[in-house]
Amino acid sequence: MSDNGLITGPSAHNVQDTIDRIEADVKAKGMTTFARVDHAAGAREVGLPLRPTLLLIFGNAKGGTPLMQDHQQIGIDLPLKFLAWEDASGKTWLSYNDPHWLAQRQGLGHAVDANVEAMANALSAIAKRASA
C-alpha cells in the first residue's frame, strides 16, 4: 500500500529480524549503514510505552549524489530509510519513502529519472527479500 509517498507492506518476521535482514542485504550490496534508531528504546527511556519500532538509515553516495547534484535539497530526504514497526495486533510492517514521490516532491529533473527508477527498484527488492 502507498500513502502520500510512503510505501508500507507486511513482514513475515518480527521488527528486529526484519531490520537485521535489511541491514545484511544493504551491506552485501556495498551500501553504508549510517544508523539504527530504536524508537521504542527511546520511549522507554522517558517512561513512555511504544511497540517495537526500528529505523535503519543507509545509503550509497554513488546513488544519492546524482540526485543532490540535480537538486541539492533532496538531501533532506537522503540517506534512505526503512522503518519496521509492530501494530497493535502484533503484526510487523515495513515502511519506506517512494523514490518517485521524493523526486516529484523535490522537483528533480528528467536527467536523473534512471537513478530514481534504479533506487525505487532496489528498495522494492530489498523490502521483498526482508519481508518474505
Protein backbone atom coordinates (compact mmCIF):
# COMPACT_ATOMS: atom_id res chain seq x y z
CA MET A 1 0.00 0.00 0.00
CA SER A 2 1.14 3.57 -0.63
CA ASP A 3 0.14 6.61 1.39
CA ASN A 4 1.38 10.08 0.45
CA GLY A 5 4.70 8.77 -0.79
CA LEU A 6 5.09 6.15 1.92
CA ILE A 7 5.15 2.51 0.82
CA THR A 8 4.12 0.07 3.53
CA GLY A 9 3.82 -3.70 3.41
CA PRO A 10 3.65 -6.60 5.84
CA SER A 11 6.67 -8.52 7.04
CA ALA A 12 6.65 -12.21 7.93
CA HIS A 13 9.33 -11.51 10.56
CA ASN A 14 9.41 -9.55 13.79
CA VAL A 15 10.70 -5.97 13.79
CA GLN A 16 14.26 -6.85 14.85
CA ASP A 17 14.63 -9.66 12.32
CA THR A 18 13.17 -7.54 9.52
CA ILE A 19 15.69 -4.75 10.11
CA ASP A 20 18.53 -7.27 10.57
CA ARG A 21 17.67 -8.81 7.19
CA ILE A 22 17.60 -5.40 5.52
CA GLU A 23 20.90 -4.37 7.06
CA ALA A 24 22.60 -7.57 5.89
CA ASP A 25 21.19 -7.07 2.40
CA VAL A 26 22.26 -3.44 2.02
CA LYS A 27 25.74 -4.19 3.37
CA ALA A 28 26.07 -7.11 0.93
CA LYS A 29 25.23 -4.67 -1.87
CA GLY A 30 28.02 -2.31 -0.80
CA MET A 31 25.82 0.30 0.81
CA THR A 32 26.66 2.04 4.06
CA THR A 33 24.58 1.72 7.22
CA PHE A 34 24.65 5.10 8.95
CA ALA A 35 22.41 4.41 11.95
CA ARG A 36 19.83 2.20 13.59
CA VAL A 37 17.32 4.11 15.66
CA ASP A 38 15.33 2.17 18.25
CA HIS A 39 12.33 4.42 18.81
CA ALA A 40 10.81 2.03 21.38
CA ALA A 41 14.01 2.12 23.45
CA GLY A 42 13.94 5.91 23.35
CA ALA A 43 10.35 5.91 24.53
CA ARG A 44 11.20 3.54 27.38
CA GLU A 45 14.00 5.87 28.49
CA VAL A 46 11.42 8.59 29.14
CA GLY A 47 8.86 6.24 30.67
CA LEU A 48 6.53 6.02 27.67
CA PRO A 49 5.26 2.87 26.01
CA LEU A 50 5.86 2.21 22.31
CA ARG A 51 5.57 -1.03 20.39
CA PRO A 52 8.76 -2.23 18.64
CA THR A 53 9.79 0.40 16.09
CA LEU A 54 13.22 0.35 14.41
CA LEU A 55 14.57 2.73 11.78
CA LEU A 56 17.53 1.83 9.57
CA ILE A 57 19.29 4.73 7.84
CA PHE A 58 21.53 3.68 4.95
CA GLY A 59 22.68 4.67 1.52
CA ASN A 60 25.28 4.86 -1.16
CA ALA A 61 26.86 8.14 -2.31
CA LYS A 62 27.02 6.77 -5.84
CA GLY A 63 23.23 6.52 -5.89
CA GLY A 64 22.27 9.61 -3.91
CA THR A 65 24.82 12.17 -5.09
CA PRO A 66 23.42 12.48 -8.65
CA LEU A 67 20.05 13.35 -7.12
CA MET A 68 21.64 16.02 -4.94
CA GLN A 69 23.63 17.34 -7.91
CA ASP A 70 20.30 17.83 -9.66
CA HIS A 71 18.53 19.39 -6.66
CA GLN A 72 20.59 19.67 -3.51
CA GLN A 73 17.57 19.97 -1.21
CA ILE A 74 16.75 16.29 -1.70
CA GLY A 75 19.50 15.82 0.87
CA ILE A 76 16.76 16.35 3.48
CA ASP A 77 15.27 13.04 2.29
CA LEU A 78 18.57 11.20 1.98
CA PRO A 79 20.07 8.91 3.11
CA LEU A 80 17.44 6.27 2.56
CA LYS A 81 15.44 4.77 5.41
CA PHE A 82 13.40 1.68 6.27
CA LEU A 83 11.08 1.65 9.27
CA ALA A 84 9.95 -1.68 10.72
CA TRP A 85 7.15 -1.40 13.24
CA GLU A 86 4.64 -3.54 15.10
CA ASP A 87 0.95 -2.66 15.10
CA ALA A 88 -1.49 -3.11 18.00
CA SER A 89 -2.29 -6.67 16.90
CA GLY A 90 1.40 -7.69 16.91
CA LYS A 91 1.80 -7.70 13.12
CA THR A 92 5.08 -6.34 11.70
CA TRP A 93 5.07 -3.77 8.92
CA LEU A 94 7.85 -2.27 6.81
CA SER A 95 7.65 1.31 5.50
CA TYR A 96 9.87 3.42 3.27
CA ASN A 97 9.69 6.54 1.13
CA ASP A 98 8.87 6.02 -2.53
CA PRO A 99 11.79 7.50 -4.52
CA HIS A 100 9.39 8.54 -7.30
CA TRP A 101 7.39 10.55 -4.79
CA LEU A 102 10.58 12.10 -3.38
CA ALA A 103 11.68 13.06 -6.90
CA GLN A 104 8.33 14.71 -7.56
CA ARG A 105 8.30 16.44 -4.17
CA GLN A 106 11.77 17.86 -4.75
CA GLY A 107 11.21 18.70 -8.42
CA LEU A 108 14.06 16.57 -9.73
CA GLY A 109 14.80 16.90 -13.42
CA HIS A 110 14.41 14.15 -16.00
CA ALA A 111 18.19 13.77 -16.17
CA VAL A 112 18.03 11.63 -13.01
CA ASP A 113 14.94 9.57 -13.91
CA ALA A 114 17.07 6.44 -14.40
CA ASN A 115 18.70 6.96 -11.00
CA VAL A 116 15.32 7.35 -9.30
CA GLU A 117 14.00 4.25 -11.05
CA ALA A 118 17.04 2.21 -10.02
CA MET A 119 16.65 3.39 -6.43
CA ALA A 120 12.94 2.50 -6.43
CA ASN A 121 13.64 -0.96 -7.84
CA ALA A 122 16.40 -1.59 -5.31
CA LEU A 123 14.26 -0.54 -2.34
CA SER A 124 11.35 -2.66 -3.51
CA ALA A 125 13.59 -5.72 -3.95
CA ILE A 126 15.22 -5.21 -0.53
CA ALA A 127 11.81 -4.84 1.12
CA LYS A 128 10.50 -8.01 -0.53
CA ARG A 129 13.52 -10.07 0.47
CA ALA A 130 13.48 -8.80 4.05
CA SER A 131 9.75 -9.31 4.49
CA ALA A 132 9.40 -12.75 2.89
